[in-house]
Amino acid sequence: MRFCLRCAAEAQVTFPRSARCERYGYRAIFSREPVVAAIPRDEDGRIWLLRRTLHEGAGRWIVPDTPHETAEASEVRAFAPADLPWDEMAFWSTKQALRDALA
């Protein structure tokens, strides 16, 4: 990959894992391992999210595999679907997974 997947500008590539577009602000991190996530809900239909403290997306919300605080997660909270913090999600894929789950 040499170009931004969103705007086609030349990207800064850090071989072999990431590419960043300074013009658009897009960043992609690549991994050979497949990733799977579940969207945990409680009996009231609220969705559990955790706020990252480390790595990419620090300070923003992601979907946890198990909803509990860790060194990587400073806060764990359940949100009603109408109250999800869309503008504070760490990754576009988290937003898309939640939109698909709620559709």
Protein backbone atom coordinates (compact mmCIF):
# COMPACT_ATOMS: atom_id res chain seq x y z
CA MET A 1 0.00 0.00 0.00
CA ARG A 2 1.41 3.36 -1.01
CA PHE A 3 -1.72 5.50 -1.14
CA CYS A 4 -4.51 6.52 1.24
CA LEU A 5 -7.52 4.23 0.94
CA ARG A 6 -9.85 7.21 1.42
CA CYS A 7 -8.42 10.03 -0.74
CA ALA A 8 -5.66 8.35 -2.85
CA ALA A 9 -2.95 10.79 -1.65
CA GLU A 10 0.48 9.27 -1.08
CA ALA A 11 0.59 7.73 2.39
CA GLN A 12 3.41 7.52 4.95
CA VAL A 13 4.09 3.80 5.26
CA THR A 14 5.74 2.24 8.28
CA PHE A 15 6.58 -1.19 7.01
CA PRO A 16 5.02 -3.66 7.52
CA ARG A 17 2.21 -2.57 9.82
CA SER A 18 0.79 0.86 9.19
CA ALA A 19 0.02 3.60 6.72
CA ARG A 20 -0.99 7.18 7.53
CA CYS A 21 -2.46 9.93 5.37
CA GLU A 22 -1.50 13.33 6.76
CA ARG A 23 -3.76 15.14 4.30
CA TYR A 24 -6.92 13.19 5.18
CA GLY A 25 -6.03 12.09 8.70
CA TYR A 26 -6.63 8.42 7.90
CA ARG A 27 -4.53 5.70 9.52
CA ALA A 28 -4.62 1.99 8.86
CA ILE A 29 -2.90 -0.71 10.88
CA PHE A 30 -2.52 -4.10 9.28
CA SER A 31 -2.30 -7.45 10.99
CA ARG A 32 -2.06 -10.96 9.64
CA GLU A 33 -4.19 -12.32 12.43
CA PRO A 34 -7.94 -12.38 11.92
CA VAL A 35 -9.87 -10.28 14.43
CA VAL A 36 -13.27 -11.14 15.85
CA ALA A 37 -15.33 -9.07 18.26
CA ALA A 38 -18.63 -9.59 20.00
CA ILE A 39 -20.90 -6.76 21.07
CA PRO A 40 -21.79 -7.46 24.70
CA ARG A 41 -25.24 -6.38 25.90
CA ASP A 42 -26.91 -6.57 29.27
CA GLU A 43 -30.46 -7.72 30.04
CA ASP A 44 -31.76 -4.17 29.38
CA GLY A 45 -30.25 -4.08 25.88
CA ARG A 46 -27.46 -1.65 26.84
CA ILE A 47 -24.17 -2.07 25.00
CA TRP A 48 -20.92 -2.44 26.97
CA LEU A 49 -17.93 -0.37 25.81
CA LEU A 50 -14.50 0.29 27.27
CA ARG A 51 -12.36 3.41 27.04
CA ARG A 52 -8.83 2.64 25.84
CA THR A 53 -5.87 4.03 27.76
CA LEU A 54 -3.04 2.62 25.65
CA HIS A 55 -2.13 2.26 21.98
CA GLU A 56 -4.11 3.44 18.97
CA GLY A 57 -7.39 5.06 19.94
CA ALA A 58 -6.33 5.95 23.51
CA GLY A 59 -9.07 7.88 25.30
CA ARG A 60 -11.75 6.58 22.95
CA TRP A 61 -14.35 3.81 23.19
CA ILE A 62 -14.15 0.28 21.75
CA VAL A 63 -16.09 -2.96 22.03
CA PRO A 64 -14.53 -5.27 24.69
CA ASP A 65 -14.27 -9.11 24.41
CA THR A 66 -14.98 -9.15 28.30
CA PRO A 67 -16.32 -5.89 29.91
CA HIS A 68 -13.88 -5.21 32.76
CA GLU A 69 -11.16 -2.65 33.51
CA THR A 70 -7.59 -3.56 32.58
CA ALA A 71 -4.31 -1.69 32.06
CA GLU A 72 -5.60 -0.97 28.54
CA ALA A 73 -9.09 0.06 29.64
CA SER A 74 -9.57 2.85 32.16
CA GLU A 75 -13.36 2.79 32.11
CA VAL A 76 -16.10 0.30 31.31
CA ARG A 77 -19.68 1.46 30.80
CA ALA A 78 -22.99 0.23 29.45
CA PHE A 79 -24.79 2.59 27.07
CA ALA A 80 -28.38 2.57 25.90
CA PRO A 81 -28.31 2.43 22.08
CA ALA A 82 -29.60 6.02 21.88
CA ASP A 83 -26.76 7.22 24.14
CA LEU A 84 -23.77 5.62 22.38
CA PRO A 85 -20.80 8.04 22.16
CA TRP A 86 -20.51 7.88 18.36
CA ASP A 87 -18.04 10.78 18.10
CA GLU A 88 -15.74 9.19 20.68
CA MET A 89 -15.34 5.75 19.09
CA ALA A 90 -11.72 4.67 18.59
CA PHE A 91 -12.13 3.00 15.20
CA TRP A 92 -14.42 3.27 12.18
CA SER A 93 -14.85 -0.50 12.34
CA THR A 94 -16.33 -0.19 15.85
CA LYS A 95 -18.86 2.35 14.58
CA GLN A 96 -19.77 0.15 11.63
CA ALA A 97 -20.16 -2.99 13.75
CA LEU A 98 -22.45 -1.14 16.14
CA ARG A 99 -24.51 0.34 13.30
CA ASP A 100 -24.90 -3.13 11.78
CA ALA A 101 -25.89 -4.63 15.14
CA LEU A 102 -28.50 -1.94 15.75
CA ALA A 103 -29.96 -2.00 12.23
